[in-house]
Each structure stands twice: as C-alpha cells, then as structure tokens.
Amino acid sequence: LTSPPGTNFDLFLYLPGGSSGQSCSGVSQS
C-alpha cells in the first residue's frame, strides 16, 4: 500500500482458519 502525500493509510490482513468463510476480526498481519 502506498499512501498519497499528506495522508497516511495503514494496511491490515485477515486470514481465516478454513478454506471457506471470511475473517473480519483478529488481524493476521499488518
């Protein structure tokens, strides 16, 4: 992720435990 000049954004990844579904909590990497 590259933020524009004058503004800062951060990056967060969420990895689910199984092949189905999606994770929205418990950040895996950031």
Full PDB file with SEQRES, HELIX, SHEET, SSBOND, CRYST1, ORIGX, SCALE, CONECT and MASTER records, all heavy atoms in Angstrom:
SEQRES   1 A   30  LEU THR SER PRO PRO GLY THR ASN PHE ASP LEU PHE LEU          
SEQRES   2 A   30  TYR LEU PRO GLY GLY SER SER GLY GLN SER CYS SER GLY          
SEQRES   3 A   30  VAL SER GLN SER                                              
CRYST1    1.000    1.000    1.000  90.00  90.00  90.00 P 1           1          
ORIGX1      1.000000  0.000000  0.000000        0.00000                         
ORIGX2      0.000000  1.000000  0.000000        0.00000                         
ORIGX3      0.000000  0.000000  1.000000        0.00000                         
SCALE1      1.000000  0.000000  0.000000        0.00000                         
SCALE2      0.000000  1.000000  0.000000        0.00000                         
SCALE3      0.000000  0.000000  1.000000        0.00000                         
ATOM      1  N   LEU A   1       0.849  -1.197   0.000  1.00  0.00           N  
ATOM      2  CA  LEU A   1       0.000   0.000   0.000  1.00  0.00           C  
ATOM      3  C   LEU A   1       0.880   1.242   0.000  1.00  0.00           C  
ATOM      4  O   LEU A   1       1.784   1.383   0.837  1.00  0.00           O  
ATOM      5  CB  LEU A   1      -0.905   0.007   1.235  1.00  0.00           C  
ATOM      6  CG  LEU A   1      -1.793   1.231   1.433  1.00  0.00           C  
ATOM      7  CD1 LEU A   1      -2.868   1.305   0.347  1.00  0.00           C  
ATOM      8  CD2 LEU A   1      -2.432   1.214   2.821  1.00  0.00           C  
ATOM      9  N   THR A   2       0.595   2.160  -0.922  1.00  0.00           N  
ATOM     10  CA  THR A   2       1.309   3.433  -0.974  1.00  0.00           C  
ATOM     11  C   THR A   2       0.304   4.557  -0.741  1.00  0.00           C  
ATOM     12  O   THR A   2      -0.667   4.703  -1.504  1.00  0.00           O  
ATOM     13  CB  THR A   2       2.000   3.635  -2.332  1.00  0.00           C  
ATOM     14  OG1 THR A   2       2.908   2.545  -2.571  1.00  0.00           O  
ATOM     15  CG2 THR A   2       2.764   4.944  -2.356  1.00  0.00           C  
ATOM     16  N   SER A   3       0.536   5.343   0.311  1.00  0.00           N  
ATOM     17  CA  SER A   3      -0.366   6.454   0.646  1.00  0.00           C  
ATOM     18  C   SER A   3      -0.007   7.700  -0.157  1.00  0.00           C  
ATOM     19  O   SER A   3       1.163   7.909  -0.499  1.00  0.00           O  
ATOM     20  CB  SER A   3      -0.282   6.769   2.140  1.00  0.00           C  
ATOM     21  OG  SER A   3      -0.734   5.678   2.920  1.00  0.00           O  
ATOM     22  N   PRO A   4      -0.973   8.572  -0.438  1.00  0.00           N  
ATOM     23  CA  PRO A   4      -0.677   9.813  -1.160  1.00  0.00           C  
ATOM     24  C   PRO A   4       0.026  10.813  -0.239  1.00  0.00           C  
ATOM     25  O   PRO A   4      -0.066  10.708   0.989  1.00  0.00           O  
ATOM     26  CB  PRO A   4      -2.065  10.319  -1.571  1.00  0.00           C  
ATOM     27  CG  PRO A   4      -2.972   9.788  -0.509  1.00  0.00           C  
ATOM     28  CD  PRO A   4      -2.418   8.444  -0.124  1.00  0.00           C  
ATOM     29  N   PRO A   5       0.716  11.802  -0.791  1.00  0.00           N  
ATOM     30  CA  PRO A   5       1.383  12.806   0.040  1.00  0.00           C  
ATOM     31  C   PRO A   5       0.388  13.535   0.946  1.00  0.00           C  
ATOM     32  O   PRO A   5      -0.708  13.906   0.513  1.00  0.00           O  
ATOM     33  CB  PRO A   5       1.986  13.763  -0.992  1.00  0.00           C  
ATOM     34  CG  PRO A   5       2.140  12.940  -2.233  1.00  0.00           C  
ATOM     35  CD  PRO A   5       0.971  12.004  -2.235  1.00  0.00           C  
ATOM     36  N   GLY A   6       0.756  13.707   2.201  1.00  0.00           N  
ATOM     37  CA  GLY A   6      -0.073  14.437   3.137  1.00  0.00           C  
ATOM     38  C   GLY A   6      -1.137  13.622   3.835  1.00  0.00           C  
ATOM     39  O   GLY A   6      -1.843  14.143   4.711  1.00  0.00           O  
ATOM     40  N   THR A   7      -1.302  12.356   3.465  1.00  0.00           N  
ATOM     41  CA  THR A   7      -2.301  11.492   4.093  1.00  0.00           C  
ATOM     42  C   THR A   7      -1.679  10.132   4.371  1.00  0.00           C  
ATOM     43  O   THR A   7      -0.889   9.636   3.565  1.00  0.00           O  
ATOM     44  CB  THR A   7      -3.538  11.314   3.192  1.00  0.00           C  
ATOM     45  OG1 THR A   7      -4.027  12.596   2.811  1.00  0.00           O  
ATOM     46  CG2 THR A   7      -4.637  10.560   3.910  1.00  0.00           C  
ATOM     47  N   ASN A   8      -2.029   9.543   5.515  1.00  0.00           N  
ATOM     48  CA  ASN A   8      -1.456   8.253   5.888  1.00  0.00           C  
ATOM     49  C   ASN A   8      -2.551   7.206   6.036  1.00  0.00           C  
ATOM     50  O   ASN A   8      -3.526   7.400   6.763  1.00  0.00           O  
ATOM     51  CB  ASN A   8      -0.675   8.375   7.204  1.00  0.00           C  
ATOM     52  CG  ASN A   8      -0.021   7.064   7.600  1.00  0.00           C  
ATOM     53  OD1 ASN A   8       0.379   6.285   6.750  1.00  0.00           O  
ATOM     54  ND2 ASN A   8       0.089   6.830   8.897  1.00  0.00           N  
ATOM     55  N   PHE A   9      -2.382   6.079   5.337  1.00  0.00           N  
ATOM     56  CA  PHE A   9      -3.248   4.917   5.466  1.00  0.00           C  
ATOM     57  C   PHE A   9      -2.414   3.735   5.927  1.00  0.00           C  
ATOM     58  O   PHE A   9      -1.232   3.629   5.589  1.00  0.00           O  
ATOM     59  CB  PHE A   9      -3.905   4.573   4.124  1.00  0.00           C  
ATOM     60  CG  PHE A   9      -4.898   5.591   3.648  1.00  0.00           C  
ATOM     61  CD1 PHE A   9      -4.483   6.681   2.897  1.00  0.00           C  
ATOM     62  CD2 PHE A   9      -6.243   5.465   3.943  1.00  0.00           C  
ATOM     63  CE1 PHE A   9      -5.394   7.626   2.449  1.00  0.00           C  
ATOM     64  CE2 PHE A   9      -7.163   6.399   3.504  1.00  0.00           C  
ATOM     65  CZ  PHE A   9      -6.736   7.492   2.756  1.00  0.00           C  
ATOM     66  N   ASP A  10      -3.020   2.849   6.704  1.00  0.00           N  
ATOM     67  CA  ASP A  10      -2.341   1.629   7.151  1.00  0.00           C  
ATOM     68  C   ASP A  10      -3.006   0.400   6.549  1.00  0.00           C  
ATOM     69  O   ASP A  10      -4.148   0.463   6.058  1.00  0.00           O  
ATOM     70  CB  ASP A  10      -2.358   1.532   8.678  1.00  0.00           C  
ATOM     71  CG  ASP A  10      -1.365   2.494   9.330  1.00  0.00           C  
ATOM     72  OD1 ASP A  10      -0.444   2.965   8.631  1.00  0.00           O  
ATOM     73  OD2 ASP A  10      -1.519   2.791  10.524  1.00  0.00           O  
ATOM     74  N   LEU A  11      -2.297  -0.728   6.611  1.00  0.00           N  
ATOM     75  CA  LEU A  11      -2.695  -1.943   5.922  1.00  0.00           C  
ATOM     76  C   LEU A  11      -2.884  -3.084   6.921  1.00  0.00           C  
ATOM     77  O   LEU A  11      -2.017  -3.334   7.766  1.00  0.00           O  
ATOM     78  CB  LEU A  11      -1.614  -2.310   4.893  1.00  0.00           C  
ATOM     79  CG  LEU A  11      -1.821  -3.540   4.018  1.00  0.00           C  
ATOM     80  CD1 LEU A  11      -3.050  -3.376   3.128  1.00  0.00           C  
ATOM     81  CD2 LEU A  11      -0.572  -3.769   3.152  1.00  0.00           C  
ATOM     82  N   PHE A  12      -4.014  -3.821   6.803  1.00  0.00           N  
ATOM     83  CA  PHE A  12      -4.311  -4.924   7.713  1.00  0.00           C  
ATOM     84  C   PHE A  12      -4.817  -6.126   6.909  1.00  0.00           C  
ATOM     85  O   PHE A  12      -5.665  -5.965   6.018  1.00  0.00           O  
ATOM     86  CB  PHE A  12      -5.374  -4.510   8.738  1.00  0.00           C  
ATOM     87  CG  PHE A  12      -4.956  -3.341   9.591  1.00  0.00           C  
ATOM     88  CD1 PHE A  12      -5.158  -2.035   9.165  1.00  0.00           C  
ATOM     89  CD2 PHE A  12      -4.331  -3.548  10.819  1.00  0.00           C  
ATOM     90  CE1 PHE A  12      -4.763  -0.956   9.939  1.00  0.00           C  
ATOM     91  CE2 PHE A  12      -3.929  -2.475  11.607  1.00  0.00           C  
ATOM     92  CZ  PHE A  12      -4.152  -1.181  11.164  1.00  0.00           C  
ATOM     93  N   LEU A  13      -4.306  -7.322   7.250  1.00  0.00           N  
ATOM     94  CA  LEU A  13      -4.706  -8.560   6.578  1.00  0.00           C  
ATOM     95  C   LEU A  13      -5.359  -9.500   7.575  1.00  0.00           C  
ATOM     96  O   LEU A  13      -4.892  -9.642   8.716  1.00  0.00           O  
ATOM     97  CB  LEU A  13      -3.489  -9.246   5.943  1.00  0.00           C  
ATOM     98  CG  LEU A  13      -2.645  -8.426   4.953  1.00  0.00           C  
ATOM     99  CD1 LEU A  13      -1.484  -9.271   4.417  1.00  0.00           C  
ATOM    100  CD2 LEU A  13      -3.505  -7.894   3.803  1.00  0.00           C  
ATOM    101  N   TYR A  14      -6.431 -10.188   7.125  1.00  0.00           N  
ATOM    102  CA  TYR A  14      -7.173 -11.124   7.980  1.00  0.00           C  
ATOM    103  C   TYR A  14      -7.245 -12.471   7.256  1.00  0.00           C  
ATOM    104  O   TYR A  14      -7.820 -12.566   6.162  1.00  0.00           O  
ATOM    105  CB  TYR A  14      -8.583 -10.613   8.254  1.00  0.00           C  
ATOM    106  CG  TYR A  14      -8.640  -9.235   8.885  1.00  0.00           C  
ATOM    107  CD1 TYR A  14      -8.496  -8.079   8.109  1.00  0.00           C  
ATOM    108  CD2 TYR A  14      -8.850  -9.085  10.250  1.00  0.00           C  
ATOM    109  CE1 TYR A  14      -8.566  -6.819   8.679  1.00  0.00           C  
ATOM    110  CE2 TYR A  14      -8.926  -7.817  10.837  1.00  0.00           C  
ATOM    111  CZ  TYR A  14      -8.775  -6.694  10.034  1.00  0.00           C  
ATOM    112  OH  TYR A  14      -8.845  -5.440  10.600  1.00  0.00           O  
ATOM    113  N   LEU A  15      -6.691 -13.518   7.866  1.00  0.00           N  
ATOM    114  CA  LEU A  15      -6.647 -14.852   7.264  1.00  0.00           C  
ATOM    115  C   LEU A  15      -7.584 -15.791   8.025  1.00  0.00           C  
ATOM    116  O   LEU A  15      -7.396 -16.016   9.224  1.00  0.00           O  
ATOM    117  CB  LEU A  15      -5.215 -15.397   7.297  1.00  0.00           C  
ATOM    118  CG  LEU A  15      -5.002 -16.791   6.725  1.00  0.00           C  
ATOM    119  CD1 LEU A  15      -5.230 -16.789   5.214  1.00  0.00           C  
ATOM    120  CD2 LEU A  15      -3.585 -17.302   7.055  1.00  0.00           C  
ATOM    121  N   PRO A  16      -8.596 -16.379   7.373  1.00  0.00           N  
ATOM    122  CA  PRO A  16      -9.499 -17.303   8.068  1.00  0.00           C  
ATOM    123  C   PRO A  16      -8.828 -18.650   8.330  1.00  0.00           C  
ATOM    124  O   PRO A  16      -7.816 -18.985   7.714  1.00  0.00           O  
ATOM    125  CB  PRO A  16     -10.670 -17.442   7.087  1.00  0.00           C  
ATOM    126  CG  PRO A  16     -10.048 -17.220   5.744  1.00  0.00           C  
ATOM    127  CD  PRO A  16      -8.961 -16.200   5.952  1.00  0.00           C  
ATOM    128  N   GLY A  17      -9.418 -19.412   9.227  1.00  0.00           N  
ATOM    129  CA  GLY A  17      -8.829 -20.701   9.585  1.00  0.00           C  
ATOM    130  C   GLY A  17      -9.149 -21.825   8.632  1.00  0.00           C  
ATOM    131  O   GLY A  17      -8.460 -22.848   8.614  1.00  0.00           O  
ATOM    132  N   GLY A  18     -10.177 -21.668   7.800  1.00  0.00           N  
ATOM    133  CA  GLY A  18     -10.569 -22.723   6.867  1.00  0.00           C  
ATOM    134  C   GLY A  18     -10.678 -22.218   5.449  1.00  0.00           C  
ATOM    135  O   GLY A  18     -10.571 -21.023   5.176  1.00  0.00           O  
ATOM    136  N   SER A  19     -10.910 -23.163   4.525  1.00  0.00           N  
ATOM    137  CA  SER A  19     -10.961 -22.812   3.105  1.00  0.00           C  
ATOM    138  C   SER A  19     -12.231 -22.069   2.734  1.00  0.00           C  
ATOM    139  O   SER A  19     -12.298 -21.434   1.682  1.00  0.00           O  
ATOM    140  CB  SER A  19     -10.836 -24.081   2.245  1.00  0.00           C  
ATOM    141  OG  SER A  19     -11.899 -24.973   2.537  1.00  0.00           O  
ATOM    142  N   SER A  20     -13.241 -22.146   3.593  1.00  0.00           N  
ATOM    143  CA  SER A  20     -14.474 -21.401   3.341  1.00  0.00           C  
ATOM    144  C   SER A  20     -14.634 -20.312   4.400  1.00  0.00           C  
ATOM    145  O   SER A  20     -14.068 -20.386   5.486  1.00  0.00           O  
ATOM    146  CB  SER A  20     -15.690 -22.341   3.370  1.00  0.00           C  
ATOM    147  OG  SER A  20     -15.815 -22.940   4.641  1.00  0.00           O  
ATOM    148  N   GLY A  21     -15.418 -19.316   4.073  1.00  0.00           N  
ATOM    149  CA  GLY A  21     -15.645 -18.239   5.039  1.00  0.00           C  
ATOM    150  C   GLY A  21     -14.650 -17.102   4.900  1.00  0.00           C  
ATOM    151  O   GLY A  21     -13.713 -17.147   4.097  1.00  0.00           O  
ATOM    152  N   GLN A  22     -14.872 -16.080   5.714  1.00  0.00           N  
ATOM    153  CA  GLN A  22     -14.063 -14.865   5.684  1.00  0.00           C  
ATOM    154  C   GLN A  22     -13.860 -14.385   7.115  1.00  0.00           C  
ATOM    155  O   GLN A  22     -14.771 -14.486   7.935  1.00  0.00           O  
ATOM    156  CB  GLN A  22     -14.776 -13.793   4.856  1.00  0.00           C  
ATOM    157  CG  GLN A  22     -14.045 -12.458   4.759  1.00  0.00           C  
ATOM    158  CD  GLN A  22     -14.887 -11.387   4.074  1.00  0.00           C  
ATOM    159  OE1 GLN A  22     -16.012 -11.653   3.646  1.00  0.00           O  
ATOM    160  NE2 GLN A  22     -14.348 -10.184   3.976  1.00  0.00           N  
ATOM    161  N   SER A  23     -12.678 -13.870   7.414  1.00  0.00           N  
ATOM    162  CA  SER A  23     -12.388 -13.358   8.753  1.00  0.00           C  
ATOM    163  C   SER A  23     -12.459 -11.832   8.757  1.00  0.00           C  
ATOM    164  O   SER A  23     -11.905 -11.169   7.872  1.00  0.00           O  
ATOM    165  CB  SER A  23     -11.002 -13.813   9.213  1.00  0.00           C  
ATOM    166  OG  SER A  23     -10.686 -13.253  10.469  1.00  0.00           O  
ATOM    167  N   CYS A  24     -13.140 -11.298   9.791  1.00  0.00           N  
ATOM    168  CA  CYS A  24     -13.247  -9.838   9.943  1.00  0.00           C  
ATOM    169  C   CYS A  24     -12.697  -9.370  11.284  1.00  0.00           C  
ATOM    170  O   CYS A  24     -12.853  -8.211  11.657  1.00  0.00           O  
ATOM    171  CB  CYS A  24     -14.697  -9.405   9.810  1.00  0.00           C  
ATOM    172  SG  CYS A  24     -15.380  -9.609   8.143  1.00  0.00           S  
ATOM    173  N   SER A  25     -12.094 -10.266  12.034  1.00  0.00           N  
ATOM    174  CA  SER A  25     -11.511  -9.908  13.328  1.00  0.00           C  
ATOM    175  C   SER A  25     -10.253 -10.726  13.546  1.00  0.00           C  
ATOM    176  O   SER A  25     -10.064 -11.776  12.925  1.00  0.00           O  
ATOM    177  CB  SER A  25     -12.510 -10.172  14.458  1.00  0.00           C  
ATOM    178  OG  SER A  25     -12.827 -11.546  14.529  1.00  0.00           O  
ATOM    179  N   GLY A  26      -9.400 -10.242  14.436  1.00  0.00           N  
ATOM    180  CA  GLY A  26      -8.145 -10.944  14.685  1.00  0.00           C  
ATOM    181  C   GLY A  26      -7.171 -10.721  13.542  1.00  0.00           C  
ATOM    182  O   GLY A  26      -7.050 -11.552  12.624  1.00  0.00           O  
ATOM    183  N   VAL A  27      -6.500  -9.579  13.541  1.00  0.00           N  
ATOM    184  CA  VAL A  27      -5.573  -9.221  12.465  1.00  0.00           C  
ATOM    185  C   VAL A  27      -4.450 -10.251  12.389  1.00  0.00           C  
ATOM    186  O   VAL A  27      -3.813 -10.573  13.390  1.00  0.00           O  
ATOM    187  CB  VAL A  27      -4.991  -7.816  12.700  1.00  0.00           C  
ATOM    188  CG1 VAL A  27      -3.970  -7.473  11.628  1.00  0.00           C  
ATOM    189  CG2 VAL A  27      -6.104  -6.776  12.730  1.00  0.00           C  
ATOM    190  N   SER A  28      -4.198 -10.777  11.174  1.00  0.00           N  
ATOM    191  CA  SER A  28      -3.130 -11.765  10.974  1.00  0.00           C  
ATOM    192  C   SER A  28      -1.782 -11.091  10.723  1.00  0.00           C  
ATOM    193  O   SER A  28      -0.757 -11.509  11.261  1.00  0.00           O  
ATOM    194  CB  SER A  28      -3.483 -12.689   9.800  1.00  0.00           C  
ATOM    195  OG  SER A  28      -4.699 -13.365  10.049  1.00  0.00           O  
ATOM    196  N   GLN A  29      -1.772 -10.069   9.888  1.00  0.00           N  
ATOM    197  CA  GLN A  29      -0.572  -9.281   9.625  1.00  0.00           C  
ATOM    198  C   GLN A  29      -0.992  -7.847   9.365  1.00  0.00           C  
ATOM    199  O   GLN A  29      -2.103  -7.581   8.885  1.00  0.00           O  
ATOM    200  CB  GLN A  29       0.201  -9.818   8.414  1.00  0.00           C  
ATOM    201  CG  GLN A  29       0.834 -11.180   8.605  1.00  0.00           C  
ATOM    202  CD  GLN A  29       1.969 -11.161   9.615  1.00  0.00           C  
ATOM    203  OE1 GLN A  29       2.638 -10.135   9.805  1.00  0.00           O  
ATOM    204  NE2 GLN A  29       2.209 -12.295  10.266  1.00  0.00           N  
ATOM    205  N   SER A  30      -0.089  -6.912   9.678  1.00  0.00           N  
ATOM    206  CA  SER A  30      -0.399  -5.500   9.451  1.00  0.00           C  
ATOM    207  C   SER A  30       0.863  -4.705   9.218  1.00  0.00           C  
ATOM    208  O   SER A  30       1.974  -5.162   9.525  1.00  0.00           O  
ATOM    209  CB  SER A  30      -1.160  -4.922  10.652  1.00  0.00           C  
ATOM    210  OG  SER A  30      -0.338  -4.939  11.808  1.00  0.00           O  
TER     211      SER A  30                                                      
MASTER        0    0    0    0    0    0    0    6  210    1    0    3          
END                                                                             
